[in-house]
N, C-alpha and C. Protein backbone atom coordinates (compact mmCIF):
# COMPACT_ATOMS: atom_id res chain seq x y z
N ASP A 1 8.22 9.13 -13.69
CA ASP A 1 7.61 11.03 -13.33
C ASP A 1 5.98 10.81 -12.24
N LEU A 2 5.70 9.53 -12.44
CA LEU A 2 4.42 9.87 -12.42
C LEU A 2 4.19 9.03 -10.71
N ALA A 3 5.41 7.75 -10.95
CA ALA A 3 5.69 7.59 -9.05
C ALA A 3 5.74 8.92 -8.30
N VAL A 4 7.09 9.66 -8.55
CA VAL A 4 7.71 10.56 -7.95
C VAL A 4 6.34 11.35 -7.74
N LEU A 5 5.44 11.69 -8.32
CA LEU A 5 3.90 12.36 -8.19
C LEU A 5 3.01 11.43 -7.54
N LEU A 6 2.82 9.47 -6.89
CA LEU A 6 2.41 9.11 -6.66
C LEU A 6 2.87 8.95 -5.06
N THR A 7 4.25 9.33 -4.85
CA THR A 7 4.44 9.12 -3.88
C THR A 7 4.27 10.65 -2.55
N LEU A 8 4.47 11.81 -3.68
CA LEU A 8 4.09 13.17 -2.61
C LEU A 8 2.90 13.08 -2.57
N GLU A 9 2.08 12.58 -3.66
CA GLU A 9 0.70 12.57 -3.16
C GLU A 9 0.71 11.71 -1.76
N VAL A 10 0.73 10.16 -1.83
CA VAL A 10 0.23 9.76 -0.92
C VAL A 10 0.80 10.56 0.56
N ALA A 11 2.03 10.87 0.52
CA ALA A 11 2.34 11.54 1.60
C ALA A 11 1.61 12.58 2.30
N LEU A 12 1.48 13.45 1.50
CA LEU A 12 0.47 14.84 1.06
C LEU A 12 -1.37 14.27 3.02
N GLN A 13 -1.06 12.97 1.65
CA GLN A 13 -2.74 12.84 2.11
C GLN A 13 -2.88 11.70 3.55
N MET A 14 -1.43 11.64 3.80
CA MET A 14 -1.22 10.02 4.98
C MET A 14 -1.75 11.90 6.26
N THR A 15 -0.56 12.61 5.49
CA THR A 15 -0.35 14.09 6.94
C THR A 15 -1.37 14.28 7.01
N PHE A 16 -2.73 14.41 6.31
CA PHE A 16 -3.60 15.19 6.68
C PHE A 16 -4.59 13.95 7.15
N CYS A 17 -4.63 13.09 6.53
CA CYS A 17 -5.05 11.93 7.96
C CYS A 17 -4.41 12.15 9.58
N VAL A 18 -2.75 12.31 9.29
CA VAL A 18 -2.41 11.38 11.07
C VAL A 18 -2.98 13.11 11.53
N VAL A 19 -3.12 13.82 10.79
CA VAL A 19 -2.77 15.55 11.61
C VAL A 19 -4.29 16.00 11.68
N ALA A 20 -5.30 15.55 11.17
CA ALA A 20 -7.31 15.55 11.09
C ALA A 20 -6.89 14.32 12.52
N ALA A 21 -6.38 13.84 12.45
CA ALA A 21 -7.14 12.87 14.09
C ALA A 21 -5.79 13.66 15.38
N HIS A 22 -4.89 14.26 14.98
CA HIS A 22 -4.49 14.81 15.74
C HIS A 22 -5.58 16.36 16.41
N ILE A 23 -5.94 16.94 15.74
CA ILE A 23 -6.63 17.68 15.35
C ILE A 23 -8.11 17.04 16.93
N HIS A 24 -8.33 16.09 16.35
CA HIS A 24 -9.58 15.50 17.56
C HIS A 24 -9.25 15.02 17.94
N THR A 25 -8.38 14.85 18.23
CA THR A 25 -8.49 13.71 20.26
C THR A 25 -7.22 14.91 20.78
N ALA A 26 -6.33 16.02 20.52
CA ALA A 26 -5.94 16.33 21.14
C ALA A 26 -6.24 17.42 21.96
N GLY A 27 -5.59 18.01 22.95
CA GLY A 27 -6.17 19.23 23.67
C GLY A 27 -5.72 20.59 23.31
N ARG A 28 -4.96 20.44 23.45
CA ARG A 28 -4.41 22.23 23.06
C ARG A 28 -3.31 21.81 21.39
N ILE A 29 -4.21 22.81 20.67
CA ILE A 29 -2.89 22.30 19.61
C ILE A 29 -2.68 23.78 19.09
N LYS A 30 -1.09 23.29 17.88
CA LYS A 30 -0.58 24.81 17.60
C LYS A 30 -1.28 24.84 16.93
N PRO A 31 -1.44 26.57 16.56
CA PRO A 31 -1.11 27.48 15.07
C PRO A 31 -1.10 26.68 14.00
N SER A 32 0.16 25.96 13.99
CA SER A 32 0.94 26.11 12.83
C SER A 32 0.85 24.62 12.13
N VAL A 33 -0.22 23.64 13.06
CA VAL A 33 -0.85 22.53 12.62
C VAL A 33 -2.08 22.96 12.59
N VAL A 34 -2.97 24.09 13.09
CA VAL A 34 -4.07 23.53 12.24
C VAL A 34 -4.47 24.52 10.84
N ARG A 35 -3.68 25.58 10.74
CA ARG A 35 -3.38 25.66 9.14
C ARG A 35 -1.85 24.65 8.41
N LEU A 36 -1.61 24.23 8.90
CA LEU A 36 -1.79 23.01 8.26
C LEU A 36 -2.64 22.10 8.45
N TYR A 37 -3.76 21.93 8.62
CA TYR A 37 -5.05 20.91 8.67
C TYR A 37 -5.34 21.42 7.58
N ARG A 38 -5.90 22.85 7.49
CA ARG A 38 -6.22 23.71 7.04
C ARG A 38 -5.99 23.69 5.37
N LEU A 39 -4.73 23.71 4.80
CA LEU A 39 -3.98 23.61 3.78
C LEU A 39 -4.44 22.82 3.17
N LEU A 40 -4.20 21.27 3.50
CA LEU A 40 -4.34 20.08 2.87
C LEU A 40 -5.85 19.83 3.05
N ARG A 41 -6.35 20.32 3.76
CA ARG A 41 -7.93 19.80 3.42
C ARG A 41 -8.91 19.83 2.87
N TRP A 42 -8.18 21.29 1.80
CA TRP A 42 -8.41 21.73 0.34
C TRP A 42 -6.91 21.16 -0.44
N PHE A 43 -6.96 20.26 -0.18
CA PHE A 43 -5.58 19.84 -1.08
C PHE A 43 -6.14 18.31 -2.07
N PRO A 44 -6.65 19.06 -2.89
CA PRO A 44 -7.08 18.30 -4.40
C PRO A 44 -6.88 16.99 -4.98
N GLY A 45 -5.60 16.84 -4.81
CA GLY A 45 -4.88 15.49 -4.92
C GLY A 45 -4.19 15.85 -6.40
N LEU A 46 -3.34 15.42 -6.64
CA LEU A 46 -2.28 15.42 -8.00
C LEU A 46 -2.79 14.33 -9.04
N LEU A 47 -2.95 13.70 -8.79
CA LEU A 47 -3.65 12.47 -9.76
C LEU A 47 -5.00 12.27 -10.69
N ILE A 48 -6.07 13.38 -9.87
CA ILE A 48 -6.84 13.39 -10.32
C ILE A 48 -6.91 13.87 -11.48
N PHE A 49 -5.42 14.51 -12.02
CA PHE A 49 -6.06 14.82 -13.76
C PHE A 49 -4.30 14.01 -13.87
N PRO A 50 -3.57 13.51 -14.22
CA PRO A 50 -3.20 12.08 -14.66
C PRO A 50 -4.55 11.37 -14.91
N VAL A 51 -5.07 11.23 -13.75
CA VAL A 51 -6.06 9.94 -14.52
C VAL A 51 -7.18 10.57 -15.26
N LEU A 52 -7.64 11.49 -15.35
CA LEU A 52 -8.82 12.07 -15.95
C LEU A 52 -8.28 12.13 -17.14
N PHE A 53 -7.33 12.56 -17.69
CA PHE A 53 -5.91 12.34 -18.46
C PHE A 53 -6.56 11.50 -19.41
N SER A 54 -6.06 10.06 -19.12
CA SER A 54 -6.14 9.33 -19.04
C SER A 54 -7.31 8.32 -19.64
N LEU A 55 -8.17 8.69 -18.92
CA LEU A 55 -10.04 8.22 -19.02
C LEU A 55 -10.28 9.79 -20.41
N LEU A 56 -9.72 10.35 -20.34
CA LEU A 56 -9.92 10.86 -21.81
C LEU A 56 -9.48 10.40 -22.61
N VAL A 57 -8.73 10.23 -22.75
CA VAL A 57 -7.24 9.54 -24.10
C VAL A 57 -8.38 7.95 -24.26
N ALA A 58 -8.80 7.17 -23.05
CA ALA A 58 -9.74 6.49 -23.53
C ALA A 58 -11.20 6.36 -24.28
N ALA A 59 -11.59 7.17 -23.47
CA ALA A 59 -13.26 7.75 -24.09
C ALA A 59 -12.75 8.09 -25.85
N ILE A 60 -12.00 9.21 -25.75
CA ILE A 60 -11.96 9.07 -27.53
C ILE A 60 -11.63 7.79 -27.79
N PHE A 61 -10.75 7.42 -27.75
CA PHE A 61 -10.02 6.37 -29.05
C PHE A 61 -11.87 4.94 -28.80
N SER A 62 -12.11 4.78 -27.68
CA SER A 62 -13.30 4.07 -27.61
C SER A 62 -14.43 4.63 -28.87
N LEU A 63 -13.88 6.00 -28.97
CA LEU A 63 -15.80 6.36 -29.62
C LEU A 63 -15.39 6.75 -30.58
N PRO A 64 -14.59 6.13 -31.32
CA PRO A 64 -14.53 6.46 -32.46
C PRO A 64 -15.26 7.20 -33.99
N GLY A 65 -15.14 8.52 -34.52
CA GLY A 65 -16.61 8.69 -35.68
C GLY A 65 -16.93 9.88 -34.99
N MET A 66 -16.93 9.90 -33.40
CA MET A 66 -17.52 11.29 -32.41
C MET A 66 -17.14 12.65 -32.84
N SER A 67 -17.00 13.37 -32.41
CA SER A 67 -16.55 14.88 -32.43
C SER A 67 -15.58 14.42 -30.95
N PHE A 68 -14.16 15.06 -30.95
CA PHE A 68 -14.04 15.05 -29.75
C PHE A 68 -14.34 16.09 -28.55
N PRO A 69 -14.53 16.99 -29.34
CA PRO A 69 -15.55 18.53 -28.55
C PRO A 69 -17.20 17.86 -27.73
N LEU A 70 -17.69 16.80 -27.98
CA LEU A 70 -18.44 16.19 -27.75
C LEU A 70 -18.08 15.19 -26.83
N VAL A 71 -17.18 14.13 -26.88
CA VAL A 71 -16.60 13.24 -25.96
C VAL A 71 -16.15 14.53 -24.55
N ALA A 72 -15.68 15.22 -24.84
CA ALA A 72 -14.72 15.61 -23.82
C ALA A 72 -16.04 16.38 -23.15
N TRP A 73 -16.72 17.37 -23.01
CA TRP A 73 -17.67 17.37 -22.55
C TRP A 73 -18.86 16.47 -21.97
N SER A 74 -19.28 15.38 -22.56
CA SER A 74 -19.93 14.26 -21.79
C SER A 74 -18.51 14.42 -21.11
N LEU A 75 -17.46 13.78 -21.62
CA LEU A 75 -17.20 13.11 -19.71
C LEU A 75 -16.98 13.75 -18.86
N ALA A 76 -16.74 15.09 -18.89
CA ALA A 76 -16.68 16.61 -18.20
C ALA A 76 -18.06 16.17 -17.27
N ALA A 77 -19.63 16.46 -18.29
CA ALA A 77 -20.09 16.20 -17.03
C ALA A 77 -20.82 14.78 -16.63
N VAL A 78 -20.74 13.81 -16.85
CA VAL A 78 -20.73 12.59 -16.05
C VAL A 78 -18.92 12.84 -14.85
N VAL A 79 -18.21 13.13 -14.64
CA VAL A 79 -16.90 13.44 -14.43
C VAL A 79 -17.82 13.68 -13.08
N ALA A 80 -18.38 15.47 -13.85
CA ALA A 80 -18.97 16.08 -12.81
C ALA A 80 -20.01 15.92 -11.47
N ALA A 81 -20.95 14.88 -11.71
CA ALA A 81 -22.10 14.76 -11.37
C ALA A 81 -21.54 13.02 -10.60
N VAL A 82 -20.63 12.46 -11.39
CA VAL A 82 -20.37 11.64 -9.95
C VAL A 82 -19.71 11.48 -9.16
N ILE A 83 -18.37 12.87 -8.69
CA ILE A 83 -17.53 13.02 -7.73
C ILE A 83 -18.60 13.61 -6.65
N PRO A 84 -19.53 14.06 -6.69
CA PRO A 84 -20.51 14.95 -5.84
C PRO A 84 -21.65 13.87 -4.95
N LEU A 85 -22.13 12.95 -6.19
CA LEU A 85 -22.47 12.26 -6.47
C LEU A 85 -22.12 10.60 -5.21
N GLY A 86 -20.95 10.44 -5.33
CA GLY A 86 -20.05 9.67 -4.69
C GLY A 86 -19.41 9.61 -2.94
N ARG A 87 -19.33 11.10 -3.01
CA ARG A 87 -19.10 11.91 -1.75
C ARG A 87 -20.34 11.21 -1.10
N TRP A 88 -21.61 12.22 -2.09
CA TRP A 88 -22.53 11.32 -0.55
C TRP A 88 -23.04 9.58 -0.47
N ALA A 89 -22.21 9.04 -1.97
CA ALA A 89 -23.15 7.25 -1.18
C ALA A 89 -21.45 7.21 -0.11
N LEU A 90 -21.14 7.80 -0.75
CA LEU A 90 -19.73 7.42 1.00
C LEU A 90 -20.12 7.78 1.94
N LYS A 91 -20.56 9.17 2.81
CA LYS A 91 -21.16 10.19 3.47
C LYS A 91 -21.92 8.88 4.57
N HIS A 92 -23.04 8.69 2.79
CA HIS A 92 -24.15 8.24 3.65
C HIS A 92 -23.68 5.98 4.06
N LEU A 93 -22.69 5.50 3.22
CA LEU A 93 -22.26 4.09 4.00
C LEU A 93 -21.40 4.13 4.59
N LEU A 94 -20.34 5.76 4.89
CA LEU A 94 -20.06 4.94 6.23
C LEU A 94 -19.76 6.67 7.08
N PRO A 95 -21.16 6.96 7.61
CA PRO A 95 -21.42 8.09 8.66
C PRO A 95 -20.56 8.48 9.50
N GLU A 96 -19.86 8.02 10.01
CA GLU A 96 -19.12 8.50 11.47
C GLU A 96 -16.92 9.18 10.15
N ARG A 97 -16.86 9.72 10.47
CA ARG A 97 -16.28 10.76 10.11
C ARG A 97 -14.92 9.92 9.69
N GLU A 98 -14.64 9.26 11.88
CA GLU A 98 -12.96 8.43 11.93
C GLU A 98 -12.74 7.54 10.80
N ILE A 99 -14.23 6.39 10.92
CA ILE A 99 -14.02 5.35 10.08
C ILE A 99 -13.70 5.85 7.47
N ARG A 100 -14.20 6.89 7.91
CA ARG A 100 -13.70 7.80 6.36
C ARG A 100 -11.92 8.41 6.98
N LEU A 101 -11.89 8.78 7.90
CA LEU A 101 -10.19 9.13 8.47
C LEU A 101 -9.15 8.58 7.61
N GLU A 102 -10.24 7.01 8.71
CA GLU A 102 -9.52 5.46 8.44
C GLU A 102 -8.89 4.63 7.03
N LEU A 103 -10.42 4.60 6.00
CA LEU A 103 -10.36 4.56 4.88
C LEU A 103 -8.99 5.14 4.60
N LEU A 104 -9.65 6.18 4.50
CA LEU A 104 -8.82 7.72 3.70
C LEU A 104 -7.25 6.92 3.44
N PHE A 105 -6.03 6.72 4.87
CA PHE A 105 -5.34 6.61 5.60
C PHE A 105 -4.80 5.33 4.98
N LEU A 106 -5.78 4.25 4.55
CA LEU A 106 -5.63 2.76 4.62
C LEU A 106 -5.90 3.22 3.00
N ALA A 107 -5.81 3.24 3.09
CA ALA A 107 -6.57 3.92 0.67
C ALA A 107 -5.08 3.92 0.45
N ASN A 108 -4.03 5.28 1.31
CA ASN A 108 -3.38 5.66 0.46
C ASN A 108 -1.96 5.14 1.28
N ALA A 109 -2.12 3.63 2.23
CA ALA A 109 -1.58 3.53 2.96
C ALA A 109 -1.54 1.98 1.34
N LEU A 110 -2.61 1.53 1.15
CA LEU A 110 -2.18 0.72 0.10
C LEU A 110 -2.05 0.54 -1.28
N ILE A 111 -1.86 2.60 -1.40
CA ILE A 111 -1.72 3.04 -3.10
C ILE A 111 -0.51 3.56 -2.85
N ALA A 112 1.01 3.70 -2.05
CA ALA A 112 2.38 3.67 -1.91
C ALA A 112 3.03 2.20 -1.94
N ILE A 113 1.78 0.67 -1.61
CA ILE A 113 2.67 -0.38 -1.27
C ILE A 113 2.20 -0.78 -2.60
N LEU A 114 1.70 -0.31 -3.31
CA LEU A 114 0.99 -1.01 -4.53
C LEU A 114 2.31 0.12 -5.55
N GLY A 115 1.76 1.19 -5.32
CA GLY A 115 2.83 2.56 -6.15
C GLY A 115 4.15 1.37 -6.12
N VAL A 116 4.66 0.92 -5.56
CA VAL A 116 6.54 0.14 -5.11
C VAL A 116 6.04 -0.62 -6.28
N ILE A 117 5.57 -1.36 -5.54
CA ILE A 117 5.39 -2.40 -6.72
C ILE A 117 5.51 -2.46 -8.04
N ALA A 118 4.87 -1.39 -8.79
CA ALA A 118 3.97 -1.48 -9.39
C ALA A 118 5.45 -0.87 -11.03
N THR A 119 6.06 -0.19 -9.53
CA THR A 119 6.62 0.87 -11.10
C THR A 119 8.30 0.60 -11.11
N VAL A 120 8.35 -1.21 -10.99
CA VAL A 120 8.66 -2.46 -10.50
C VAL A 120 8.91 -2.65 -11.69
N ASN A 121 10.15 -3.15 -12.84
CA ASN A 121 9.02 -4.08 -13.52
C ASN A 121 9.38 -5.19 -13.96
N GLY A 122 10.47 -5.28 -12.81
CA GLY A 122 10.88 -7.37 -13.01
C GLY A 122 12.28 -6.41 -13.24
N ARG A 123 12.52 -6.18 -13.92
CA ARG A 123 14.50 -5.54 -14.28
C ARG A 123 14.87 -5.21 -13.05
N SER A 124 15.98 -5.29 -12.42
CA SER A 124 16.72 -4.23 -11.86
C SER A 124 17.64 -3.75 -12.25
N ALA A 125 18.10 -2.44 -12.31
CA ALA A 125 19.46 -1.31 -12.65
C ALA A 125 20.14 -2.03 -11.78
N VAL A 126 20.96 -2.47 -10.91
CA VAL A 126 21.51 -3.12 -10.05
C VAL A 126 21.63 -4.63 -9.80
N ALA A 127 23.12 -5.33 -9.86
CA ALA A 127 22.88 -6.61 -10.01
C ALA A 127 22.61 -6.95 -8.80
N GLY A 128 21.56 -7.72 -8.47
CA GLY A 128 21.92 -8.77 -6.29
C GLY A 128 23.02 -8.84 -6.30
N VAL A 129 23.06 -8.47 -5.04
CA VAL A 129 23.93 -9.44 -4.10
C VAL A 129 23.68 -10.35 -3.24
N THR A 130 24.08 -11.76 -3.78
CA THR A 130 23.51 -12.71 -2.70
C THR A 130 24.51 -12.63 -1.01
N ALA A 131 25.33 -11.77 -0.84
CA ALA A 131 26.59 -11.91 0.41
C ALA A 131 26.00 -10.43 1.25
N VAL A 132 25.08 -11.10 1.78
CA VAL A 132 25.26 -10.03 3.35
C VAL A 132 26.12 -8.94 4.00
N ASP A 133 26.02 -8.02 3.95
CA ASP A 133 27.31 -6.65 4.25
C ASP A 133 26.72 -6.64 6.00
N TRP A 134 27.12 -7.57 7.12
CA TRP A 134 27.05 -8.02 8.09
C TRP A 134 27.18 -6.63 9.21
N PRO A 135 28.57 -6.13 8.96
CA PRO A 135 28.86 -4.65 9.52
C PRO A 135 27.65 -3.58 9.42
N ALA A 136 27.84 -3.63 8.12
CA ALA A 136 25.92 -2.45 7.78
C ALA A 136 24.70 -2.63 8.54
N LEU A 137 24.22 -4.22 7.92
CA LEU A 137 23.47 -4.61 8.83
C LEU A 137 23.89 -4.35 10.58
N GLY A 138 24.68 -4.71 11.02
CA GLY A 138 25.24 -4.21 12.58
C GLY A 138 24.75 -2.75 13.36
N GLY A 139 25.32 -1.98 12.42
CA GLY A 139 25.15 -0.60 11.87
C GLY A 139 22.93 -0.56 12.44
N VAL A 140 23.03 -0.61 11.26
CA VAL A 140 21.78 -0.26 10.76
C VAL A 140 20.78 -0.97 12.51
N THR A 141 20.97 -1.33 12.54
CA THR A 141 20.50 -2.56 13.97
C THR A 141 20.91 -1.66 15.27
N ALA A 142 22.22 -1.34 15.19
CA ALA A 142 22.58 -0.71 16.46
C ALA A 142 21.92 0.66 17.05
N PHE A 143 21.84 1.22 15.28
CA PHE A 143 21.29 2.77 14.88
C PHE A 143 19.72 1.91 15.32
N VAL A 144 18.87 1.44 14.70
CA VAL A 144 17.68 1.10 15.50
C VAL A 144 17.41 1.08 17.04
N ALA A 145 18.07 0.04 17.54
CA ALA A 145 17.83 -0.45 18.44
C ALA A 145 18.00 0.94 19.80
N ALA A 146 19.21 1.90 19.09
CA ALA A 146 19.87 3.08 19.72
C ALA A 146 18.38 3.98 20.06
N GLU A 147 17.93 4.44 18.92
CA GLU A 147 16.65 4.91 18.58
C GLU A 147 15.42 4.28 19.88
N LEU A 148 15.49 3.31 19.71
CA LEU A 148 14.18 3.27 20.29
C LEU A 148 14.41 2.89 21.65
N LEU A 149 15.90 2.55 22.26
CA LEU A 149 16.11 3.38 23.95
C LEU A 149 15.27 4.59 23.87
N LEU A 150 16.23 5.66 23.01
CA LEU A 150 15.92 6.79 23.41
C LEU A 150 14.25 7.44 23.17
N GLY A 151 13.12 6.86 22.08
CA GLY A 151 12.01 7.19 21.96
C GLY A 151 11.36 6.68 24.08
N MET A 152 12.05 5.03 24.16
CA MET A 152 11.23 4.87 25.60
C MET A 152 11.84 6.26 26.96
N ALA A 153 12.80 6.72 26.56
CA ALA A 153 13.36 7.10 27.66
C ALA A 153 12.87 8.70 27.36
N ALA A 154 12.46 8.99 26.30
CA ALA A 154 11.22 10.37 26.57
C ALA A 154 10.11 9.84 27.09
N PHE A 155 9.76 9.26 26.98
CA PHE A 155 8.09 9.05 27.13
C PHE A 155 7.96 9.15 28.12
N ARG A 156 8.89 7.86 28.63
CA ARG A 156 9.08 8.03 29.86
C ARG A 156 9.26 9.23 30.98
N ILE A 157 10.02 10.10 30.90
CA ILE A 157 10.14 11.63 30.86
C ILE A 157 9.36 12.66 31.12
N LYS A 158 8.54 12.44 29.86
CA LYS A 158 7.27 12.95 29.39
C LYS A 158 5.87 12.14 30.68
N GLN A 159 6.13 11.17 30.78
CA GLN A 159 5.20 10.71 31.96
C GLN A 159 5.35 10.78 33.31
N LYS A 160 6.96 10.74 33.39
CA LYS A 160 7.03 11.77 34.58
C LYS A 160 6.34 13.08 35.02
N ARG A 161 6.45 13.74 34.15
CA ARG A 161 6.13 14.81 34.16
C ARG A 161 4.66 15.30 34.05
N MET A 162 4.10 14.50 32.90
CA MET A 162 2.38 14.46 33.26
C MET A 162 2.92 14.15 34.52
N ASN A 163 2.17 13.15 35.36
CA ASN A 163 1.87 12.87 36.84
C ASN A 163 3.16 14.19 38.33
N LYS A 164 3.54 14.36 37.51
CA LYS A 164 4.02 15.83 38.62
C LYS A 164 2.58 16.33 38.28
N LYS A 165 2.86 16.94 37.20
CA LYS A 165 1.74 17.78 36.71
C LYS A 165 -0.06 17.74 37.96
N LEU A 166 -0.27 16.49 37.59
CA LEU A 166 -1.17 15.43 38.07
C LEU A 166 -1.12 15.85 39.32
N LYS A 167 -0.29 15.54 40.33
CA LYS A 167 -0.19 15.59 41.58
C LYS A 167 -0.02 16.72 42.55
């Protein structure tokens, strides 16, 4: 279940990174892109809740004999102080906004890769196949090649239109 949340959060945060880079580098921006940027900028992240919950459970079990409200409120105070201090430290450690955005994108890419690896427990639900399905591989290769050619053609058409506008 957390793998689905992880995938959703990584996708949303990587979308934020791409949209933020687009806004900072593009000339004209559609209003829908600006609305998406504003929405994603305030997205808190879904995994903060399970992480904080597991931190609270670990704190409660590592401090036996202490009252639950005292442990919970103490942890809440620590988290409330650490998050703004961490933000301040990161802003001073990496002063350029673009570098922080790139770091967020790369960290999310790493989290996505590790999430795929971590959700596999070593047992596969499907038995492995040692033979290669050549027609399927050929079909996928043909599809990728066709999309590559279409993309290159679209890029050239766009370039020609841009060159005509500049002249």
